[in-house]
Amino acid sequence: MTDTSTATTAVIIVAAGSGTRLGRPEPKAFVRVGRRTILEHALETVFSLTEPAQVIVVAPSAMLEDARVLAEGVADAAVGFLSVVTGGDTRQQSVAAGLAHLLPSVETVLVHDAARALTPVALIESVIAGVRATGGGVIPGLPVADTIKQTDWMGQVEQTLDRSALVSVQTPQGFPREHLLAAYAAATEDRTDDAAVFSAAGHTVTVVDGDDRAFKITTPWDLRRAEALVHESTPRVASQRIGTGIDVHAFDLGRPLWLGGVYWPDEPGLAGHSDGDAVCHAICDALLAAAGLGDIGSRFGTADSRFVEAHGDVFIQETLELVHGAGFSVGNVAVQVVSNRPKIAPRRVELEAVLTELVGAPVSVSATTTDGLGFTGRGEGVTALATALLLS
């Protein structure tokens, strides 16, 4: 059983609001931002605190079991520090419901809006430290950037307020336990936040620096902003695509041999519209296949005069432009040469270096024969097989 006696801090997460301004059928805390709900995002941060803390989730009565399942999924091994309770009709009533479940060991209480789901853990820890240092209430706030006007009931401006003395308040708001409990017990009217309840009881509240990421998700615009931030911070898992390619060319004694982008003196060349470089052509086929872009014949056919006698590096460069243009990068390529000649082993390192430079990714080369079987076994030509891995 989890020992909760070490928890001197409690965080009450208020998730009981309906969130009507968000325009969604479900309560706000249960709306998804990316793959997780607003409540789960808020809990993730709280459970990453460096010290153990009691976490009390205050949820709507109709969503209590849903909130419990979500919260326990995030809490995992720390589930013993978790409570999920039913909220009230107002925010103040919901906070009071959470206060009723504090552990005896708790000395510092933070009240946090689930809707400020992306609040960084450093801000929460700053509030905790502030309460301990001052012995009073601590709230995060941001300077007000806009000019603020005070108006009358008809909307006419009465005065311009000095914005240098104003802050926009965020959560979590932190307080010494006993003072907060006494303030709530003495409250005779609903206040807009917990600091107002605390101040009304005669206690001091100090402002510490807030954080732009602790904004409250209230409107569809806020939700879209939160989704963008979550997307930016989520490690991107690359999508992988694999393609294979094959190319076959017969020997032509009247031509020089280019294979794998390398010139082979004293070896018969390969017949073809281009230089017949079967290795480079197989690589192109594999890359195009992985990207879903067809094959070398459909992209660089014999009717295209640009590729008459063209070397293999030209085809690879043209292929890479197509592959990169489709949003892919090359992970690696493996090529196997099937032929009696030329002997690949003595120049394998050179081949791999040249092809790696051409492709811009690791290329490995291997070779085999067919033990005298077929046209390659009879020494009539070369077959090259390639496999390419693309990332997007």
Protein backbone atom coordinates (compact mmCIF):
# COMPACT_ATOMS: atom_id res chain seq x y z
CA MET A 1 0.00 0.00 0.00
CA THR A 2 1.32 3.47 -0.89
CA ASP A 3 2.58 5.49 2.08
CA THR A 4 0.94 8.93 1.78
CA SER A 5 2.27 10.29 5.07
CA THR A 6 5.13 12.02 3.22
CA ALA A 7 2.78 14.25 1.23
CA THR A 8 2.93 17.75 2.73
CA THR A 9 1.45 19.36 -0.39
CA ALA A 10 -1.93 18.82 -1.98
CA VAL A 11 -3.08 19.95 -5.42
CA ILE A 12 -6.82 20.30 -5.94
CA ILE A 13 -7.61 20.13 -9.65
CA VAL A 14 -10.95 21.72 -10.41
CA ALA A 15 -12.49 19.84 -13.36
CA ALA A 16 -16.19 20.23 -12.59
CA GLY A 17 -17.04 23.04 -15.03
CA SER A 18 -19.33 22.57 -18.02
CA GLY A 19 -17.25 24.69 -20.38
CA THR A 20 -20.20 25.95 -22.42
CA ARG A 21 -18.08 28.60 -24.17
CA LEU A 22 -15.97 25.84 -25.69
CA GLY A 23 -19.01 24.70 -27.66
CA ARG A 24 -18.52 20.98 -27.01
CA PRO A 25 -21.10 18.48 -25.73
CA GLU A 26 -18.80 17.00 -23.07
CA PRO A 27 -17.56 18.92 -20.00
CA LYS A 28 -14.43 20.90 -20.76
CA ALA A 29 -11.98 18.74 -18.78
CA PHE A 30 -12.97 15.72 -20.90
CA VAL A 31 -12.32 17.37 -24.28
CA ARG A 32 -9.28 15.99 -26.04
CA VAL A 33 -6.19 18.01 -26.89
CA GLY A 34 -4.20 15.77 -29.17
CA ARG A 35 -4.43 12.20 -27.89
CA ARG A 36 -5.27 13.06 -24.29
CA THR A 37 -8.02 14.91 -22.49
CA ILE A 38 -7.52 18.31 -20.90
CA LEU A 39 -7.73 16.65 -17.49
CA GLU A 40 -5.02 14.12 -18.38
CA HIS A 41 -2.67 16.87 -19.57
CA ALA A 42 -3.16 18.75 -16.30
CA LEU A 43 -2.55 15.61 -14.27
CA GLU A 44 0.58 14.68 -16.22
CA THR A 45 2.23 17.90 -15.06
CA VAL A 46 1.14 17.57 -11.44
CA PHE A 47 2.36 13.97 -11.18
CA SER A 48 5.77 15.06 -12.51
CA LEU A 49 6.42 17.19 -9.40
CA THR A 50 9.74 16.35 -7.76
CA GLU A 51 8.08 15.75 -4.38
CA PRO A 52 5.07 13.53 -3.59
CA ALA A 53 1.79 15.43 -3.47
CA GLN A 54 -1.79 14.48 -2.77
CA VAL A 55 -3.86 15.07 -5.90
CA ILE A 56 -7.59 15.69 -5.55
CA VAL A 57 -9.63 15.83 -8.75
CA VAL A 58 -13.02 17.53 -8.42
CA ALA A 59 -15.29 16.35 -11.24
CA PRO A 60 -18.96 16.63 -12.26
CA SER A 61 -21.13 13.97 -10.61
CA ALA A 62 -22.18 12.59 -14.01
CA MET A 63 -18.52 12.15 -15.04
CA LEU A 64 -17.10 10.94 -11.74
CA GLU A 65 -16.25 7.42 -12.90
CA ASP A 66 -14.79 8.68 -16.18
CA ALA A 67 -12.62 11.12 -14.24
CA ARG A 68 -11.47 8.32 -11.94
CA VAL A 69 -10.43 6.08 -14.84
CA LEU A 70 -8.53 8.90 -16.56
CA ALA A 71 -6.84 10.06 -13.37
CA GLU A 72 -5.79 6.58 -12.28
CA GLY A 73 -4.35 5.97 -15.75
CA VAL A 74 -2.07 8.98 -15.35
CA ALA A 75 -1.29 8.38 -11.65
CA ASP A 76 -0.22 4.76 -12.23
CA ALA A 77 2.08 3.82 -9.32
CA ALA A 78 1.20 7.03 -7.45
CA VAL A 79 -2.51 6.18 -7.38
CA GLY A 80 -2.43 6.05 -3.57
CA PHE A 81 -1.97 9.83 -3.55
CA LEU A 82 -5.08 10.33 -5.70
CA SER A 83 -8.66 11.18 -4.77
CA VAL A 84 -11.53 11.87 -7.17
CA VAL A 85 -14.52 13.64 -5.65
CA THR A 86 -17.78 15.21 -6.78
CA GLY A 87 -17.84 18.96 -7.32
CA GLY A 88 -20.52 21.51 -6.47
CA ASP A 89 -22.69 23.95 -8.42
CA THR A 90 -20.06 26.71 -8.28
CA ARG A 91 -16.31 26.74 -8.45
CA GLN A 92 -16.07 27.78 -4.82
CA GLN A 93 -18.26 24.85 -3.78
CA SER A 94 -16.11 22.49 -5.83
CA VAL A 95 -12.93 23.71 -4.13
CA ALA A 96 -14.60 23.28 -0.74
CA ALA A 97 -15.43 19.69 -1.70
CA GLY A 98 -11.78 19.08 -2.47
CA LEU A 99 -10.62 20.67 0.79
CA ALA A 100 -12.75 18.20 2.73
CA HIS A 101 -10.51 15.34 1.53
CA LEU A 102 -7.08 16.68 2.52
CA LEU A 103 -4.68 14.22 4.14
CA PRO A 104 -3.62 15.02 7.71
CA SER A 105 0.01 15.49 6.59
CA VAL A 106 -0.79 18.28 4.09
CA GLU A 107 0.51 21.73 4.99
CA THR A 108 0.38 23.55 1.64
CA VAL A 109 -2.66 23.51 -0.65
CA LEU A 110 -2.66 24.43 -4.32
CA VAL A 111 -5.88 25.00 -6.25
CA HIS A 112 -5.48 24.52 -9.98
CA ASP A 113 -7.86 24.76 -12.93
CA ALA A 114 -7.79 21.67 -15.14
CA ALA A 115 -8.45 24.05 -18.04
CA ARG A 116 -4.90 25.43 -17.60
CA ALA A 117 -3.75 22.05 -18.83
CA LEU A 118 -0.35 23.04 -20.25
CA THR A 119 0.94 24.80 -17.13
CA PRO A 120 4.64 23.88 -16.79
CA VAL A 121 5.75 22.00 -13.69
CA ALA A 122 8.30 24.73 -12.90
CA LEU A 123 5.46 27.20 -12.30
CA ILE A 124 3.72 24.81 -9.89
CA GLU A 125 6.94 24.29 -7.96
CA SER A 126 7.50 28.06 -7.86
CA VAL A 127 4.10 28.53 -6.20
CA ILE A 128 4.82 25.80 -3.64
CA ALA A 129 8.17 27.39 -2.78
CA GLY A 130 6.52 30.81 -2.51
CA VAL A 131 3.94 29.64 0.01
CA ARG A 132 6.63 28.05 2.16
CA ALA A 133 8.82 31.14 1.99
CA THR A 134 6.11 33.75 2.73
CA GLY A 135 3.65 31.84 4.88
CA GLY A 136 0.87 33.50 2.87
CA GLY A 137 -1.01 33.04 -0.37
CA VAL A 138 0.92 32.93 -3.66
CA ILE A 139 -0.55 33.31 -7.13
CA PRO A 140 1.09 33.41 -10.57
CA GLY A 141 0.39 36.44 -12.71
CA LEU A 142 1.37 37.98 -16.04
CA PRO A 143 1.75 41.70 -16.78
CA VAL A 144 -1.26 43.20 -18.58
CA ALA A 145 -0.25 44.16 -22.11
CA ASP A 146 -3.48 45.89 -23.21
CA THR A 147 -4.69 49.31 -22.19
CA ILE A 148 -7.50 48.85 -19.63
CA LYS A 149 -10.51 51.19 -19.52
CA GLN A 150 -13.09 51.41 -16.76
CA THR A 151 -16.60 52.01 -18.10
CA ASP A 152 -19.99 52.82 -16.63
CA TRP A 153 -23.18 50.81 -17.09
CA MET A 154 -23.79 52.49 -20.45
CA GLY A 155 -20.36 51.49 -21.76
CA GLN A 156 -18.92 54.99 -21.58
CA VAL A 157 -15.30 55.26 -20.47
CA GLU A 158 -14.83 56.68 -16.99
CA GLN A 159 -11.06 56.35 -16.69
CA THR A 160 -7.94 54.63 -17.99
CA LEU A 161 -6.37 52.36 -15.42
CA ASP A 162 -2.64 52.19 -14.77
CA ARG A 163 -1.79 48.81 -16.27
CA SER A 164 1.66 48.78 -14.63
CA ALA A 165 -0.12 47.96 -11.37
CA LEU A 166 -2.26 45.20 -12.91
CA VAL A 167 -1.60 41.50 -13.49
CA SER A 168 -3.54 38.76 -15.23
CA VAL A 169 -3.92 35.97 -12.67
CA GLN A 170 -3.38 32.27 -13.38
CA THR A 171 -3.40 29.01 -11.41
CA PRO A 172 -2.26 27.09 -9.45
CA GLN A 173 -2.86 29.35 -6.48
CA GLY A 174 -1.16 28.23 -3.28
CA PHE A 175 -1.98 28.74 0.40
CA PRO A 176 -1.09 27.48 3.87
CA ARG A 177 -3.63 24.80 4.67
CA GLU A 178 -5.05 26.11 7.97
CA HIS A 179 -5.46 29.68 6.72
CA LEU A 180 -7.21 28.52 3.55
CA LEU A 181 -9.59 26.23 5.47
CA ALA A 182 -10.46 29.09 7.84
CA ALA A 183 -10.99 31.47 4.92
CA TYR A 184 -13.37 29.08 3.23
CA ALA A 185 -15.24 28.46 6.48
CA ALA A 186 -15.71 32.23 6.90
CA ALA A 187 -16.69 32.96 3.26
CA THR A 188 -20.14 34.53 2.91
CA GLU A 189 -20.18 35.10 -0.86
CA ASP A 190 -18.80 33.58 -4.03
CA ARG A 191 -15.50 35.03 -5.26
CA THR A 192 -13.90 34.76 -8.67
CA ASP A 193 -10.84 32.90 -7.41
CA ASP A 194 -9.36 31.38 -4.27
CA ALA A 195 -7.00 34.29 -3.69
CA ALA A 196 -10.04 36.56 -3.33
CA VAL A 197 -11.50 34.23 -0.67
CA PHE A 198 -8.13 34.18 1.08
CA SER A 199 -7.73 37.96 0.94
CA ALA A 200 -11.28 38.55 2.17
CA ALA A 201 -10.29 36.71 5.36
CA GLY A 202 -7.51 39.22 5.94
CA HIS A 203 -4.55 37.23 4.65
CA THR A 204 -1.73 38.42 2.38
CA VAL A 205 -1.37 37.25 -1.21
CA THR A 206 1.87 37.60 -3.20
CA VAL A 207 2.21 37.43 -6.99
CA VAL A 208 5.01 35.43 -8.62
CA ASP A 209 5.85 35.35 -12.32
CA GLY A 210 3.31 33.41 -14.36
CA ASP A 211 3.85 31.61 -17.64
CA ASP A 212 2.24 32.09 -21.05
CA ARG A 213 1.71 28.32 -21.30
CA ALA A 214 -0.60 28.42 -18.28
CA PHE A 215 -3.38 30.00 -20.33
CA LYS A 216 -6.93 28.85 -19.71
CA ILE A 217 -8.66 26.81 -22.42
CA THR A 218 -12.01 28.57 -22.61
CA THR A 219 -12.91 29.10 -26.27
CA PRO A 220 -12.46 27.10 -29.48
CA TRP A 221 -9.56 29.44 -30.31
CA ASP A 222 -7.84 28.49 -27.02
CA LEU A 223 -8.39 24.82 -27.78
CA ARG A 224 -6.77 25.18 -31.20
CA ARG A 225 -3.81 26.97 -29.64
CA ALA A 226 -3.41 24.17 -27.09
CA GLU A 227 -3.55 21.54 -29.84
CA ALA A 228 -0.81 23.35 -31.75
CA LEU A 229 1.43 23.49 -28.67
CA VAL A 230 0.88 19.83 -27.88
CA HIS A 231 1.67 18.91 -31.47
CA GLU A 232 4.92 20.91 -31.35
CA SER A 233 6.04 19.29 -28.11
CA THR A 234 5.14 15.71 -29.07
CA PRO A 235 8.13 13.70 -30.29
CA ARG A 236 7.42 12.87 -33.89
CA VAL A 237 7.63 9.20 -34.81
CA ALA A 238 8.89 8.85 -38.35
CA SER A 239 6.75 6.86 -40.76
CA GLN A 240 8.75 4.20 -42.59
CA ARG A 241 8.31 3.03 -46.18
CA ILE A 242 10.23 0.16 -47.80
CA GLY A 243 10.67 -0.44 -51.51
CA THR A 244 12.52 -3.00 -53.61
CA GLY A 245 14.05 -2.64 -57.05
CA ILE A 246 15.68 -4.90 -59.63
CA ASP A 247 17.59 -4.19 -62.80
CA VAL A 248 19.14 -6.53 -65.38
CA HIS A 249 21.60 -5.70 -68.16
CA ALA A 250 23.46 -7.87 -70.61
CA PHE A 251 27.16 -7.44 -71.20
CA ASP A 252 28.24 -5.40 -74.25
CA LEU A 253 31.92 -5.91 -75.13
CA GLY A 254 32.00 -2.63 -77.05
CA ARG A 255 31.16 -0.43 -74.04
CA PRO A 256 32.99 0.58 -70.84
CA LEU A 257 31.63 -0.78 -67.56
CA TRP A 258 30.05 1.60 -65.07
CA LEU A 259 28.58 -0.16 -62.07
CA GLY A 260 27.55 1.44 -58.78
CA GLY A 261 28.70 4.82 -60.06
CA VAL A 262 32.24 3.49 -60.43
CA TYR A 263 34.27 2.87 -63.61
CA TRP A 264 35.64 -0.66 -64.00
CA PRO A 265 38.58 -0.80 -66.48
CA ASP A 266 39.28 -4.01 -68.38
CA GLU A 267 35.72 -5.24 -67.83
CA PRO A 268 32.96 -5.56 -70.45
CA GLY A 269 30.33 -2.87 -70.28
CA LEU A 270 26.56 -3.22 -70.02
CA ALA A 271 24.07 -2.72 -72.84
CA GLY A 272 21.40 -0.08 -72.46
CA HIS A 273 19.94 3.30 -73.41
CA SER A 274 22.11 4.85 -70.72
CA ASP A 275 25.40 3.51 -69.38
CA GLY A 276 23.57 0.38 -68.18
CA ASP A 277 24.55 0.83 -64.50
CA ALA A 278 22.31 -1.89 -63.05
CA VAL A 279 23.21 -1.08 -59.44
CA CYS A 280 22.25 2.60 -59.68
CA HIS A 281 19.11 1.73 -61.63
CA ALA A 282 18.03 -0.86 -59.04
CA ILE A 283 18.54 1.76 -56.30
CA CYS A 284 16.34 4.21 -58.21
CA ASP A 285 13.62 1.58 -58.61
CA ALA A 286 13.72 0.80 -54.87
CA LEU A 287 13.51 4.48 -53.91
CA LEU A 288 10.65 5.16 -56.31
CA ALA A 289 8.76 2.07 -55.17
CA ALA A 290 9.08 3.04 -51.48
CA ALA A 291 7.77 6.51 -52.22
CA GLY A 292 4.94 5.21 -54.38
CA LEU A 293 6.28 7.10 -57.40
CA GLY A 294 6.32 4.38 -60.02
CA ASP A 295 9.55 2.96 -61.47
CA ILE A 296 12.60 4.01 -63.43
CA GLY A 297 11.05 3.00 -66.75
CA SER A 298 8.00 5.23 -66.31
CA ARG A 299 10.03 8.14 -64.95
CA PHE A 300 13.11 8.04 -67.20
CA GLY A 301 12.08 6.03 -70.27
CA THR A 302 14.15 5.31 -73.34
CA ALA A 303 12.19 7.93 -75.28
CA ASP A 304 13.75 10.67 -73.11
CA SER A 305 16.85 11.91 -74.95
CA ARG A 306 18.22 13.52 -71.76
CA PHE A 307 19.28 10.11 -70.50
CA VAL A 308 21.12 8.78 -73.55
CA GLU A 309 24.45 7.44 -72.24
CA ALA A 310 23.68 9.07 -68.86
CA HIS A 311 25.63 7.74 -65.91
CA GLY A 312 23.97 6.20 -62.86
CA ASP A 313 24.58 9.26 -60.67
CA VAL A 314 22.28 11.28 -62.95
CA PHE A 315 19.41 8.85 -62.39
CA ILE A 316 19.97 8.80 -58.62
CA GLN A 317 19.99 12.61 -58.43
CA GLU A 318 16.80 12.87 -60.48
CA THR A 319 15.17 10.16 -58.35
CA LEU A 320 16.14 11.84 -55.08
CA GLU A 321 14.53 15.09 -56.25
CA LEU A 322 11.26 13.21 -56.75
CA VAL A 323 11.54 11.36 -53.43
CA HIS A 324 12.40 14.48 -51.42
CA GLY A 325 9.69 16.42 -53.20
CA ALA A 326 7.18 13.82 -52.02
CA GLY A 327 8.19 14.50 -48.41
CA PHE A 328 10.53 11.56 -47.81
CA SER A 329 14.13 11.23 -46.69
CA VAL A 330 16.28 8.16 -47.26
CA GLY A 331 17.03 5.98 -44.24
CA ASN A 332 19.35 3.49 -45.91
CA VAL A 333 19.74 1.30 -49.01
CA ALA A 334 21.04 -2.26 -49.41
CA VAL A 335 22.15 -3.58 -52.81
CA GLN A 336 23.09 -7.08 -53.90
CA VAL A 337 24.89 -7.75 -57.19
CA VAL A 338 24.30 -11.12 -58.85
CA SER A 339 27.01 -11.84 -61.41
CA ASN A 340 30.22 -13.76 -62.11
CA ARG A 341 32.01 -10.52 -62.91
CA PRO A 342 33.24 -8.01 -62.01
CA LYS A 343 34.53 -9.13 -58.62
CA ILE A 344 32.81 -6.83 -56.09
CA ALA A 345 34.74 -7.69 -52.90
CA PRO A 346 38.01 -5.86 -53.78
CA ARG A 347 36.11 -2.59 -54.40
CA ARG A 348 33.18 -2.98 -51.97
CA VAL A 349 34.37 -0.22 -49.62
CA GLU A 350 34.86 2.16 -52.54
CA LEU A 351 31.43 1.30 -53.96
CA GLU A 352 29.70 1.87 -50.64
CA ALA A 353 31.45 5.22 -50.17
CA VAL A 354 30.50 6.46 -53.66
CA LEU A 355 26.88 5.31 -53.40
CA THR A 356 26.48 6.65 -49.86
CA GLU A 357 27.67 10.02 -51.08
CA LEU A 358 25.25 9.92 -54.03
CA VAL A 359 22.22 8.81 -52.02
CA GLY A 360 22.93 10.91 -48.94
CA ALA A 361 22.31 7.93 -46.66
CA PRO A 362 24.11 4.67 -45.82
CA VAL A 363 24.34 2.24 -48.72
CA SER A 364 25.62 -1.31 -48.24
CA VAL A 365 26.73 -3.53 -51.10
CA SER A 366 26.94 -7.33 -51.25
CA ALA A 367 27.49 -9.80 -54.08
CA THR A 368 26.73 -13.40 -55.00
CA THR A 369 26.72 -15.77 -57.95
CA THR A 370 24.20 -18.34 -59.16
CA ASP A 371 26.60 -21.30 -59.26
CA GLY A 372 26.58 -21.39 -63.06
CA LEU A 373 22.81 -21.29 -63.36
CA GLY A 374 20.93 -18.88 -65.62
CA PHE A 375 22.21 -16.00 -67.72
CA THR A 376 24.27 -14.54 -64.87
CA GLY A 377 25.79 -17.97 -64.21
CA ARG A 378 26.72 -18.22 -67.88
CA GLY A 379 28.40 -14.82 -67.69
CA GLU A 380 25.94 -13.07 -69.99
CA GLY A 381 25.09 -10.12 -67.78
CA VAL A 382 24.46 -8.56 -64.35
CA THR A 383 21.44 -8.47 -62.04
CA ALA A 384 21.18 -5.97 -59.20
CA LEU A 385 18.64 -6.12 -56.38
CA ALA A 386 18.06 -3.13 -54.06
CA THR A 387 15.99 -2.44 -50.95
CA ALA A 388 15.41 1.13 -49.77
CA LEU A 389 14.04 2.49 -46.51
CA LEU A 390 12.37 5.91 -46.62
CA LEU A 391 11.32 8.07 -43.67
CA SER A 392 8.60 10.72 -43.60
